[in-house]
Amino acid sequence: MTTPNSGEQVSSCAERWTELNDWLDNWFQPEKAEMHDFNADERRLFGSLAPAWLAAATGVDKIATLDAAAEQFGREQVLALLDRICGDETRAYWTGLVREEGSSLDDFMRLLWGPLPELGFEFSQEQLNNGIQLRCTSCPQHQLAVDMGGSTADWLLHMVCATDPFAAESVDPPVRFRRTKTLMQGDDCCDHAYLLE
């Protein structure tokens, strides 16, 4: 792939960001602060980050917003806030979804992994005695991070990849989620395992 320096490449990244990550805007709606029961420091950070995120154009501008917040408030504080938001939002979404669509491991696989090939994900699936092992070798989120460069992969790891363990909490009977590798961290695959307890 060529170096992303043309207007066409930037446009392509912006379009792909919209297709893949527009849902993240929901996390930064001002009224969401109450849902998360933030402490004073988290509320101040969210109060600064949320309007900047929503005002930013897609793609590189969203990442620049996170970089600026990390510069102002400290990277660890921003990551802690994102981890909290990610957990709260993902749990709430999947709790509602499984209530309507079913909560078994088979339902979960259908709901989460079923639509992904149409988006460009490539993965293999292996049935284990106690669950399912997946190896994702191509991920459009990862490719977007590579094309955008900079700190994109690190931020997407904490906002997109980080949803996986929280989503797995919705499975009933409960499963243990295990992942030891991710494409976002430079590994050859993401190795998701959902293991029945």
N, C-alpha and C. Protein backbone atom coordinates (compact mmCIF):
# COMPACT_ATOMS: atom_id res chain seq x y z
N MET A 1 0.84 -1.17 0.00
CA MET A 1 0.00 0.00 0.00
C MET A 1 0.88 1.23 0.00
N THR A 2 0.44 2.27 -0.66
CA THR A 2 1.23 3.50 -0.73
C THR A 2 1.09 4.29 0.56
N THR A 3 2.01 5.20 0.75
CA THR A 3 1.98 6.06 1.92
C THR A 3 0.75 6.95 1.87
N PRO A 4 -0.01 7.06 2.99
CA PRO A 4 -1.23 7.85 2.98
C PRO A 4 -0.92 9.34 3.00
N ASN A 5 -0.70 9.93 1.82
CA ASN A 5 -0.42 11.36 1.78
C ASN A 5 -1.29 12.10 0.78
N SER A 6 -2.15 11.41 0.08
CA SER A 6 -2.99 12.09 -0.89
C SER A 6 -4.35 12.41 -0.28
N GLY A 7 -5.03 13.40 -0.87
CA GLY A 7 -6.38 13.74 -0.45
C GLY A 7 -7.31 12.56 -0.60
N GLU A 8 -7.07 11.73 -1.63
CA GLU A 8 -7.90 10.55 -1.86
C GLU A 8 -7.77 9.56 -0.70
N GLN A 9 -6.55 9.36 -0.20
CA GLN A 9 -6.32 8.45 0.93
C GLN A 9 -7.02 8.97 2.17
N VAL A 10 -6.91 10.29 2.44
CA VAL A 10 -7.55 10.88 3.61
C VAL A 10 -9.06 10.71 3.50
N SER A 11 -9.61 10.96 2.32
CA SER A 11 -11.05 10.80 2.11
C SER A 11 -11.45 9.35 2.35
N SER A 12 -10.66 8.43 1.84
CA SER A 12 -10.96 7.02 2.04
C SER A 12 -10.95 6.65 3.52
N CYS A 13 -9.98 7.16 4.27
CA CYS A 13 -9.93 6.89 5.71
C CYS A 13 -11.14 7.50 6.41
N ALA A 14 -11.51 8.71 6.03
CA ALA A 14 -12.68 9.36 6.63
C ALA A 14 -13.94 8.57 6.35
N GLU A 15 -14.09 8.10 5.13
CA GLU A 15 -15.26 7.29 4.77
C GLU A 15 -15.28 5.98 5.54
N ARG A 16 -14.13 5.34 5.65
CA ARG A 16 -14.07 4.08 6.38
C ARG A 16 -14.31 4.31 7.87
N TRP A 17 -13.78 5.42 8.41
CA TRP A 17 -14.04 5.75 9.81
C TRP A 17 -15.55 5.85 10.03
N THR A 18 -16.24 6.58 9.16
CA THR A 18 -17.68 6.74 9.30
C THR A 18 -18.39 5.40 9.26
N GLU A 19 -18.02 4.55 8.32
CA GLU A 19 -18.64 3.24 8.17
C GLU A 19 -18.41 2.36 9.40
N LEU A 20 -17.19 2.39 9.92
CA LEU A 20 -16.82 1.47 11.00
C LEU A 20 -17.05 2.03 12.40
N ASN A 21 -16.90 3.34 12.58
CA ASN A 21 -16.80 3.88 13.94
C ASN A 21 -17.75 5.02 14.27
N ASP A 22 -18.70 5.29 13.41
CA ASP A 22 -19.65 6.37 13.71
C ASP A 22 -20.38 6.13 15.03
N TRP A 23 -20.58 4.87 15.40
CA TRP A 23 -21.26 4.52 16.63
C TRP A 23 -20.57 5.06 17.87
N LEU A 24 -19.27 5.35 17.77
CA LEU A 24 -18.55 5.86 18.94
C LEU A 24 -19.07 7.23 19.37
N ASP A 25 -19.65 8.00 18.44
CA ASP A 25 -20.19 9.32 18.81
C ASP A 25 -21.22 9.20 19.93
N ASN A 26 -21.94 8.10 19.96
CA ASN A 26 -22.94 7.88 21.01
C ASN A 26 -22.31 7.92 22.40
N TRP A 27 -21.09 7.45 22.53
CA TRP A 27 -20.42 7.42 23.83
C TRP A 27 -20.17 8.82 24.38
N PHE A 28 -20.10 9.82 23.51
CA PHE A 28 -19.67 11.15 23.93
C PHE A 28 -20.81 12.16 23.98
N GLN A 29 -22.05 11.69 23.99
CA GLN A 29 -23.18 12.58 24.14
C GLN A 29 -23.15 13.16 25.56
N PRO A 30 -23.37 14.48 25.71
CA PRO A 30 -23.23 15.12 27.03
C PRO A 30 -24.06 14.45 28.13
N GLU A 31 -25.26 13.99 27.80
CA GLU A 31 -26.12 13.38 28.82
C GLU A 31 -25.57 12.05 29.34
N LYS A 32 -24.59 11.49 28.66
CA LYS A 32 -24.02 10.21 29.08
C LYS A 32 -23.22 10.33 30.39
N ALA A 33 -22.83 11.54 30.75
CA ALA A 33 -22.04 11.72 31.97
C ALA A 33 -22.78 11.15 33.18
N GLU A 34 -24.09 11.31 33.22
CA GLU A 34 -24.86 10.81 34.36
C GLU A 34 -24.87 9.29 34.42
N MET A 35 -24.90 8.65 33.28
CA MET A 35 -24.94 7.18 33.21
C MET A 35 -23.70 6.56 33.85
N HIS A 36 -22.58 7.24 33.76
CA HIS A 36 -21.32 6.66 34.18
C HIS A 36 -20.95 6.94 35.64
N ASP A 37 -21.71 7.81 36.30
CA ASP A 37 -21.42 8.12 37.70
C ASP A 37 -19.95 8.52 37.88
N PHE A 38 -19.50 9.47 37.07
CA PHE A 38 -18.11 9.94 37.11
C PHE A 38 -17.79 10.65 38.41
N ASN A 39 -16.53 10.57 38.83
CA ASN A 39 -16.06 11.41 39.92
C ASN A 39 -15.76 12.80 39.34
N ALA A 40 -15.33 13.73 40.16
CA ALA A 40 -15.14 15.12 39.71
C ALA A 40 -14.10 15.22 38.60
N ASP A 41 -12.98 14.52 38.73
CA ASP A 41 -11.93 14.59 37.70
C ASP A 41 -12.41 13.97 36.39
N GLU A 42 -13.10 12.84 36.48
CA GLU A 42 -13.62 12.20 35.27
C GLU A 42 -14.67 13.09 34.59
N ARG A 43 -15.50 13.73 35.39
CA ARG A 43 -16.52 14.62 34.84
C ARG A 43 -15.88 15.80 34.11
N ARG A 44 -14.82 16.35 34.70
CA ARG A 44 -14.11 17.47 34.06
C ARG A 44 -13.49 17.02 32.74
N LEU A 45 -12.85 15.86 32.73
CA LEU A 45 -12.25 15.33 31.51
C LEU A 45 -13.33 15.05 30.47
N PHE A 46 -14.40 14.37 30.87
CA PHE A 46 -15.48 14.09 29.93
C PHE A 46 -16.10 15.39 29.41
N GLY A 47 -16.26 16.38 30.28
CA GLY A 47 -16.83 17.67 29.88
C GLY A 47 -15.98 18.40 28.86
N SER A 48 -14.70 18.15 28.87
CA SER A 48 -13.79 18.73 27.87
C SER A 48 -13.73 17.88 26.61
N LEU A 49 -13.63 16.56 26.79
CA LEU A 49 -13.44 15.65 25.67
C LEU A 49 -14.70 15.49 24.82
N ALA A 50 -15.86 15.35 25.45
CA ALA A 50 -17.08 15.04 24.71
C ALA A 50 -17.42 16.08 23.64
N PRO A 51 -17.47 17.37 23.97
CA PRO A 51 -17.82 18.33 22.91
C PRO A 51 -16.74 18.42 21.82
N ALA A 52 -15.49 18.24 22.20
CA ALA A 52 -14.41 18.27 21.21
C ALA A 52 -14.54 17.07 20.26
N TRP A 53 -14.84 15.90 20.81
CA TRP A 53 -15.02 14.70 19.99
C TRP A 53 -16.18 14.89 19.02
N LEU A 54 -17.31 15.37 19.53
CA LEU A 54 -18.49 15.51 18.68
C LEU A 54 -18.30 16.58 17.61
N ALA A 55 -17.50 17.60 17.90
CA ALA A 55 -17.26 18.67 16.92
C ALA A 55 -16.23 18.26 15.87
N ALA A 56 -15.40 17.29 16.19
CA ALA A 56 -14.33 16.87 15.27
C ALA A 56 -14.90 16.12 14.07
N ALA A 57 -14.27 16.34 12.94
CA ALA A 57 -14.62 15.56 11.75
C ALA A 57 -14.18 14.12 11.98
N THR A 58 -14.56 13.25 11.09
CA THR A 58 -14.23 11.83 11.25
C THR A 58 -12.74 11.58 11.08
N GLY A 59 -12.32 10.43 11.56
CA GLY A 59 -10.95 9.96 11.31
C GLY A 59 -9.89 10.70 12.08
N VAL A 60 -8.96 11.30 11.35
CA VAL A 60 -7.78 11.89 11.97
C VAL A 60 -8.14 12.97 12.98
N ASP A 61 -9.23 13.70 12.76
CA ASP A 61 -9.62 14.74 13.71
C ASP A 61 -10.10 14.15 15.04
N LYS A 62 -10.76 13.01 14.97
CA LYS A 62 -11.19 12.34 16.21
C LYS A 62 -9.95 11.88 17.00
N ILE A 63 -8.98 11.31 16.29
CA ILE A 63 -7.76 10.86 16.96
C ILE A 63 -7.00 12.05 17.53
N ALA A 64 -6.96 13.15 16.79
CA ALA A 64 -6.29 14.37 17.28
C ALA A 64 -6.95 14.87 18.56
N THR A 65 -8.26 14.71 18.66
CA THR A 65 -8.98 15.10 19.87
C THR A 65 -8.52 14.28 21.07
N LEU A 66 -8.35 12.99 20.87
CA LEU A 66 -7.87 12.13 21.94
C LEU A 66 -6.42 12.46 22.31
N ASP A 67 -5.60 12.72 21.29
CA ASP A 67 -4.20 13.11 21.56
C ASP A 67 -4.15 14.41 22.36
N ALA A 68 -5.00 15.37 22.01
CA ALA A 68 -5.02 16.65 22.72
C ALA A 68 -5.48 16.47 24.16
N ALA A 69 -6.48 15.62 24.37
CA ALA A 69 -6.94 15.36 25.74
C ALA A 69 -5.84 14.68 26.56
N ALA A 70 -5.11 13.78 25.93
CA ALA A 70 -4.01 13.10 26.62
C ALA A 70 -2.92 14.10 27.01
N GLU A 71 -2.67 15.05 26.12
CA GLU A 71 -1.68 16.10 26.41
C GLU A 71 -2.14 16.98 27.58
N GLN A 72 -3.41 17.31 27.60
CA GLN A 72 -3.94 18.20 28.63
C GLN A 72 -4.16 17.52 29.97
N PHE A 73 -4.72 16.32 29.96
CA PHE A 73 -5.13 15.65 31.19
C PHE A 73 -4.23 14.50 31.60
N GLY A 74 -3.40 14.04 30.68
CA GLY A 74 -2.56 12.88 30.94
C GLY A 74 -3.13 11.65 30.26
N ARG A 75 -2.26 10.93 29.62
CA ARG A 75 -2.67 9.76 28.84
C ARG A 75 -3.37 8.71 29.69
N GLU A 76 -2.85 8.41 30.86
CA GLU A 76 -3.44 7.39 31.72
C GLU A 76 -4.85 7.77 32.15
N GLN A 77 -5.10 9.06 32.41
CA GLN A 77 -6.43 9.50 32.80
C GLN A 77 -7.42 9.34 31.64
N VAL A 78 -6.98 9.66 30.44
CA VAL A 78 -7.86 9.50 29.27
C VAL A 78 -8.15 8.02 29.03
N LEU A 79 -7.12 7.18 29.11
CA LEU A 79 -7.33 5.74 28.92
C LEU A 79 -8.27 5.17 29.99
N ALA A 80 -8.11 5.60 31.23
CA ALA A 80 -8.99 5.12 32.30
C ALA A 80 -10.44 5.54 32.03
N LEU A 81 -10.63 6.77 31.58
CA LEU A 81 -11.97 7.23 31.24
C LEU A 81 -12.56 6.42 30.09
N LEU A 82 -11.77 6.21 29.05
CA LEU A 82 -12.25 5.42 27.91
C LEU A 82 -12.58 3.99 28.32
N ASP A 83 -11.76 3.40 29.17
CA ASP A 83 -12.02 2.04 29.64
C ASP A 83 -13.36 1.98 30.39
N ARG A 84 -13.61 2.98 31.20
CA ARG A 84 -14.87 3.01 31.96
C ARG A 84 -16.06 3.19 31.02
N ILE A 85 -15.95 4.14 30.10
CA ILE A 85 -17.03 4.38 29.14
C ILE A 85 -17.26 3.13 28.30
N CYS A 86 -16.19 2.54 27.83
CA CYS A 86 -16.28 1.34 27.00
C CYS A 86 -17.02 0.23 27.73
N GLY A 87 -16.66 -0.02 28.97
CA GLY A 87 -17.32 -1.06 29.75
C GLY A 87 -18.79 -0.77 29.97
N ASP A 88 -19.10 0.43 30.40
CA ASP A 88 -20.50 0.80 30.68
C ASP A 88 -21.35 0.73 29.41
N GLU A 89 -20.86 1.31 28.34
CA GLU A 89 -21.63 1.38 27.10
C GLU A 89 -21.80 0.00 26.47
N THR A 90 -20.74 -0.80 26.47
CA THR A 90 -20.81 -2.11 25.85
C THR A 90 -21.73 -3.03 26.64
N ARG A 91 -21.61 -3.00 27.96
CA ARG A 91 -22.51 -3.83 28.78
C ARG A 91 -23.98 -3.45 28.54
N ALA A 92 -24.26 -2.16 28.53
CA ALA A 92 -25.64 -1.70 28.33
C ALA A 92 -26.17 -2.13 26.96
N TYR A 93 -25.36 -1.97 25.93
CA TYR A 93 -25.79 -2.34 24.58
C TYR A 93 -26.07 -3.83 24.48
N TRP A 94 -25.13 -4.66 24.95
CA TRP A 94 -25.28 -6.10 24.80
C TRP A 94 -26.36 -6.65 25.72
N THR A 95 -26.57 -6.06 26.88
CA THR A 95 -27.66 -6.50 27.76
C THR A 95 -28.99 -6.33 27.04
N GLY A 96 -29.18 -5.19 26.39
CA GLY A 96 -30.42 -4.96 25.64
C GLY A 96 -30.54 -5.88 24.44
N LEU A 97 -29.45 -6.08 23.73
CA LEU A 97 -29.47 -6.88 22.52
C LEU A 97 -29.81 -8.35 22.83
N VAL A 98 -29.15 -8.92 23.84
CA VAL A 98 -29.40 -10.34 24.13
C VAL A 98 -30.79 -10.54 24.72
N ARG A 99 -31.33 -9.52 25.36
CA ARG A 99 -32.70 -9.62 25.87
C ARG A 99 -33.67 -9.85 24.71
N GLU A 100 -33.39 -9.20 23.57
CA GLU A 100 -34.26 -9.31 22.40
C GLU A 100 -33.89 -10.47 21.49
N GLU A 101 -32.60 -10.80 21.39
CA GLU A 101 -32.13 -11.73 20.37
C GLU A 101 -31.64 -13.08 20.87
N GLY A 102 -31.50 -13.23 22.19
CA GLY A 102 -31.00 -14.48 22.74
C GLY A 102 -29.60 -14.31 23.30
N SER A 103 -29.28 -15.08 24.35
CA SER A 103 -28.02 -14.87 25.06
C SER A 103 -27.10 -16.08 25.07
N SER A 104 -27.43 -17.12 24.32
CA SER A 104 -26.56 -18.30 24.31
C SER A 104 -25.26 -17.97 23.55
N LEU A 105 -24.29 -18.85 23.67
CA LEU A 105 -23.05 -18.66 22.93
C LEU A 105 -23.31 -18.67 21.43
N ASP A 106 -24.22 -19.54 20.98
CA ASP A 106 -24.57 -19.57 19.56
C ASP A 106 -25.20 -18.24 19.13
N ASP A 107 -26.10 -17.69 19.96
CA ASP A 107 -26.70 -16.39 19.66
C ASP A 107 -25.61 -15.31 19.58
N PHE A 108 -24.71 -15.34 20.54
CA PHE A 108 -23.63 -14.35 20.58
C PHE A 108 -22.77 -14.42 19.32
N MET A 109 -22.42 -15.62 18.92
CA MET A 109 -21.61 -15.78 17.71
C MET A 109 -22.36 -15.24 16.49
N ARG A 110 -23.63 -15.51 16.42
CA ARG A 110 -24.45 -15.01 15.30
C ARG A 110 -24.52 -13.49 15.31
N LEU A 111 -24.75 -12.91 16.49
CA LEU A 111 -24.93 -11.47 16.60
C LEU A 111 -23.62 -10.68 16.41
N LEU A 112 -22.55 -11.18 17.00
CA LEU A 112 -21.27 -10.45 16.92
C LEU A 112 -20.48 -10.81 15.67
N TRP A 113 -20.25 -12.08 15.47
CA TRP A 113 -19.35 -12.50 14.40
C TRP A 113 -20.05 -12.70 13.05
N GLY A 114 -21.34 -12.98 13.06
CA GLY A 114 -22.07 -13.22 11.82
C GLY A 114 -21.97 -12.11 10.78
N PRO A 115 -22.16 -10.85 11.16
CA PRO A 115 -22.11 -9.76 10.18
C PRO A 115 -20.69 -9.34 9.75
N LEU A 116 -19.67 -9.79 10.46
CA LEU A 116 -18.32 -9.24 10.24
C LEU A 116 -17.70 -9.57 8.88
N PRO A 117 -17.91 -10.73 8.29
CA PRO A 117 -17.32 -10.96 6.96
C PRO A 117 -17.76 -9.93 5.91
N GLU A 118 -19.01 -9.47 5.99
CA GLU A 118 -19.49 -8.46 5.05
C GLU A 118 -18.75 -7.13 5.20
N LEU A 119 -18.17 -6.90 6.38
CA LEU A 119 -17.41 -5.68 6.62
C LEU A 119 -15.93 -5.83 6.27
N GLY A 120 -15.51 -7.04 5.90
CA GLY A 120 -14.13 -7.26 5.51
C GLY A 120 -13.29 -8.02 6.52
N PHE A 121 -13.89 -8.49 7.59
CA PHE A 121 -13.16 -9.30 8.56
C PHE A 121 -12.95 -10.69 7.99
N GLU A 122 -11.77 -11.26 8.23
CA GLU A 122 -11.48 -12.64 7.85
C GLU A 122 -11.03 -13.39 9.10
N PHE A 123 -11.68 -14.52 9.35
CA PHE A 123 -11.34 -15.29 10.54
C PHE A 123 -11.69 -16.75 10.34
N SER A 124 -11.01 -17.57 11.12
CA SER A 124 -11.33 -18.99 11.17
C SER A 124 -11.92 -19.28 12.53
N GLN A 125 -12.70 -20.35 12.58
CA GLN A 125 -13.37 -20.71 13.82
C GLN A 125 -13.14 -22.19 14.10
N GLU A 126 -12.82 -22.50 15.35
CA GLU A 126 -12.58 -23.88 15.75
C GLU A 126 -13.44 -24.20 16.96
N GLN A 127 -14.19 -25.26 16.86
CA GLN A 127 -15.01 -25.70 17.99
C GLN A 127 -14.11 -26.42 18.98
N LEU A 128 -14.14 -26.01 20.23
CA LEU A 128 -13.37 -26.66 21.30
C LEU A 128 -14.33 -27.48 22.16
N ASN A 129 -13.80 -28.35 22.99
CA ASN A 129 -14.65 -29.11 23.91
C ASN A 129 -15.46 -28.20 24.82
N ASN A 130 -14.86 -27.05 25.19
CA ASN A 130 -15.51 -26.16 26.15
C ASN A 130 -15.79 -24.77 25.58
N GLY A 131 -15.87 -24.65 24.26
CA GLY A 131 -16.16 -23.34 23.71
C GLY A 131 -15.74 -23.20 22.25
N ILE A 132 -15.39 -21.98 21.89
CA ILE A 132 -15.05 -21.65 20.51
C ILE A 132 -13.78 -20.80 20.49
N GLN A 133 -12.88 -21.11 19.57
CA GLN A 133 -11.65 -20.35 19.34
C GLN A 133 -11.75 -19.71 17.96
N LEU A 134 -11.50 -18.41 17.88
CA LEU A 134 -11.47 -17.72 16.59
C LEU A 134 -10.10 -17.11 16.40
N ARG A 135 -9.67 -17.07 15.16
CA ARG A 135 -8.42 -16.40 14.80
C ARG A 135 -8.74 -15.44 13.67
N CYS A 136 -8.77 -14.17 14.01
CA CYS A 136 -9.07 -13.12 13.04
C CYS A 136 -7.75 -12.66 12.43
N THR A 137 -7.62 -12.83 11.12
CA THR A 137 -6.37 -12.50 10.44
C THR A 137 -6.47 -11.24 9.58
N SER A 138 -7.66 -10.74 9.39
CA SER A 138 -7.84 -9.49 8.64
C SER A 138 -8.99 -8.72 9.27
N CYS A 139 -8.71 -7.48 9.65
CA CYS A 139 -9.68 -6.65 10.37
C CYS A 139 -9.67 -5.25 9.76
N PRO A 140 -10.80 -4.76 9.29
CA PRO A 140 -10.83 -3.42 8.70
C PRO A 140 -10.51 -2.32 9.72
N GLN A 141 -10.78 -2.56 11.00
CA GLN A 141 -10.40 -1.58 12.02
C GLN A 141 -8.87 -1.46 12.07
N HIS A 142 -8.20 -2.60 12.04
CA HIS A 142 -6.74 -2.60 12.05
C HIS A 142 -6.19 -1.94 10.79
N GLN A 143 -6.75 -2.27 9.64
CA GLN A 143 -6.27 -1.67 8.41
C GLN A 143 -6.48 -0.16 8.41
N LEU A 144 -7.60 0.29 8.95
CA LEU A 144 -7.84 1.73 9.08
C LEU A 144 -6.78 2.36 9.97
N ALA A 145 -6.45 1.72 11.08
CA ALA A 145 -5.42 2.25 11.98
C ALA A 145 -4.07 2.33 11.28
N VAL A 146 -3.73 1.30 10.50
CA VAL A 146 -2.47 1.31 9.75
C VAL A 146 -2.47 2.46 8.74
N ASP A 147 -3.56 2.62 8.02
CA ASP A 147 -3.63 3.67 7.00
C ASP A 147 -3.61 5.07 7.61
N MET A 148 -4.25 5.24 8.78
CA MET A 148 -4.26 6.55 9.42
C MET A 148 -2.95 6.85 10.12
N GLY A 149 -2.29 5.82 10.63
CA GLY A 149 -1.00 5.99 11.28
C GLY A 149 -1.09 6.70 12.61
N GLY A 150 0.06 7.19 13.06
CA GLY A 150 0.14 7.90 14.33
C GLY A 150 -0.32 7.03 15.49
N SER A 151 -1.12 7.60 16.35
CA SER A 151 -1.58 6.91 17.56
C SER A 151 -2.91 6.18 17.37
N THR A 152 -3.38 6.10 16.13
CA THR A 152 -4.71 5.53 15.87
C THR A 152 -4.86 4.12 16.42
N ALA A 153 -3.90 3.25 16.16
CA ALA A 153 -4.02 1.85 16.61
C ALA A 153 -4.17 1.77 18.12
N ASP A 154 -3.42 2.57 18.85
CA ASP A 154 -3.49 2.52 20.30
C ASP A 154 -4.86 2.97 20.79
N TRP A 155 -5.38 4.06 20.22
CA TRP A 155 -6.70 4.53 20.65
C TRP A 155 -7.79 3.52 20.27
N LEU A 156 -7.73 2.98 19.06
CA LEU A 156 -8.76 2.02 18.65
C LEU A 156 -8.68 0.74 19.48
N LEU A 157 -7.49 0.36 19.90
CA LEU A 157 -7.36 -0.79 20.79
C LEU A 157 -8.20 -0.58 22.05
N HIS A 158 -8.17 0.64 22.58
CA HIS A 158 -8.87 0.95 23.83
C HIS A 158 -10.34 1.29 23.64
N MET A 159 -10.76 1.51 22.40
CA MET A 159 -12.15 1.89 22.18
C MET A 159 -12.94 0.82 21.42
N VAL A 160 -12.29 0.11 20.53
CA VAL A 160 -12.99 -0.87 19.69
C VAL A 160 -12.66 -2.29 20.17
N CYS A 161 -11.40 -2.63 20.18
CA CYS A 161 -10.99 -3.97 20.61
C CYS A 161 -11.38 -4.21 22.07
N ALA A 162 -11.37 -3.16 22.86
CA ALA A 162 -11.67 -3.29 24.29
C ALA A 162 -13.12 -3.65 24.56
N THR A 163 -14.00 -3.54 23.56
CA THR A 163 -15.40 -3.91 23.78
C THR A 163 -15.57 -5.43 23.91
N ASP A 164 -14.65 -6.20 23.36
CA ASP A 164 -14.83 -7.65 23.28
C ASP A 164 -15.07 -8.34 24.61
N PRO A 165 -14.26 -8.12 25.64
CA PRO A 165 -14.53 -8.82 26.90
C PRO A 165 -15.85 -8.41 27.53
N PHE A 166 -16.23 -7.13 27.38
CA PHE A 166 -17.49 -6.67 27.97
C PHE A 166 -18.68 -7.27 27.23
N ALA A 167 -18.59 -7.37 25.91
CA ALA A 167 -19.66 -8.00 25.13
C ALA A 167 -19.83 -9.46 25.55
N ALA A 168 -18.72 -10.14 25.79
CA ALA A 168 -18.78 -11.56 26.16
C ALA A 168 -19.49 -11.77 27.50
N GLU A 169 -19.54 -10.76 28.34
CA GLU A 169 -20.23 -10.88 29.63
C GLU A 169 -21.72 -11.13 29.46
N SER A 170 -22.26 -10.84 28.27
CA SER A 170 -23.70 -10.99 28.04
C SER A 170 -24.12 -12.43 27.77
N VAL A 171 -23.17 -13.32 27.54
CA VAL A 171 -23.49 -14.71 27.20
C VAL A 171 -24.00 -15.44 28.44
N ASP A 172 -25.05 -16.23 28.25
CA ASP A 172 -25.62 -17.01 29.32
C ASP A 172 -25.96 -18.40 28.79
N PRO A 173 -25.37 -19.49 29.31
CA PRO A 173 -24.54 -19.51 30.51
C PRO A 173 -23.21 -18.78 30.29
N PRO A 174 -22.63 -18.29 31.40
CA PRO A 174 -21.43 -17.46 31.31
C PRO A 174 -20.26 -18.13 30.59
N VAL A 175 -19.48 -17.31 29.90
CA VAL A 175 -18.25 -17.76 29.27
C VAL A 175 -17.10 -16.92 29.80
N ARG A 176 -15.93 -17.48 29.69
CA ARG A 176 -14.70 -16.75 29.99
C ARG A 176 -14.12 -16.33 28.65
N PHE A 177 -13.86 -15.04 28.50
CA PHE A 177 -13.25 -14.52 27.28
C PHE A 177 -11.74 -14.53 27.46
N ARG A 178 -11.03 -15.01 26.44
CA ARG A 178 -9.57 -15.02 26.49
C ARG A 178 -9.06 -14.52 25.14
N ARG A 179 -8.13 -13.59 25.20
CA ARG A 179 -7.45 -13.13 23.99
C ARG A 179 -6.02 -12.79 24.38
N THR A 180 -5.08 -13.39 23.69
CA THR A 180 -3.67 -13.16 24.02
C THR A 180 -2.95 -12.35 22.95
N LYS A 181 -3.59 -12.17 21.79
CA LYS A 181 -2.95 -11.44 20.70
C LYS A 181 -3.98 -10.56 20.00
N THR A 182 -3.52 -9.43 19.46
CA THR A 182 -4.38 -8.58 18.63
C THR A 182 -3.58 -8.05 17.45
N LEU A 183 -4.25 -7.89 16.34
CA LEU A 183 -3.64 -7.24 15.18
C LEU A 183 -3.25 -5.81 15.52
N MET A 184 -4.06 -5.12 16.32
CA MET A 184 -3.79 -3.72 16.69
C MET A 184 -2.46 -3.58 17.41
N GLN A 185 -2.02 -4.63 18.09
CA GLN A 185 -0.76 -4.58 18.83
C GLN A 185 0.39 -5.19 18.02
N GLY A 186 0.13 -5.46 16.74
CA GLY A 186 1.19 -5.95 15.87
C GLY A 186 1.31 -7.45 15.77
N ASP A 187 0.38 -8.18 16.37
CA ASP A 187 0.42 -9.64 16.29
C ASP A 187 -0.11 -10.10 14.93
N ASP A 188 0.04 -11.41 14.66
CA ASP A 188 -0.39 -11.96 13.37
C ASP A 188 -1.89 -12.21 13.30
N CYS A 189 -2.58 -12.14 14.44
CA CYS A 189 -4.02 -12.35 14.47
C CYS A 189 -4.58 -11.86 15.80
N CYS A 190 -5.89 -11.84 15.87
CA CYS A 190 -6.57 -11.68 17.15
C CYS A 190 -7.12 -13.07 17.48
N ASP A 191 -6.76 -13.57 18.64
CA ASP A 191 -7.14 -14.95 18.99
C ASP A 191 -8.22 -14.93 20.08
N HIS A 192 -9.43 -14.75 19.66
CA HIS A 192 -10.58 -14.71 20.58
C HIS A 192 -10.99 -16.12 20.96
N ALA A 193 -11.16 -16.35 22.25
CA ALA A 193 -11.71 -17.62 22.72
C ALA A 193 -12.84 -17.33 23.68
N TYR A 194 -13.93 -18.06 23.49
CA TYR A 194 -15.09 -17.97 24.37
C TYR A 194 -15.24 -19.35 24.99
N LEU A 195 -14.95 -19.44 26.28
CA LEU A 195 -14.85 -20.74 26.96
C LEU A 195 -15.97 -20.87 27.99
N LEU A 196 -16.75 -21.92 27.86
CA LEU A 196 -17.84 -22.14 28.82
C LEU A 196 -17.25 -22.49 30.17
N GLU A 197 -17.85 -21.96 31.19
CA GLU A 197 -17.33 -22.17 32.55
C GLU A 197 -17.94 -23.40 33.16
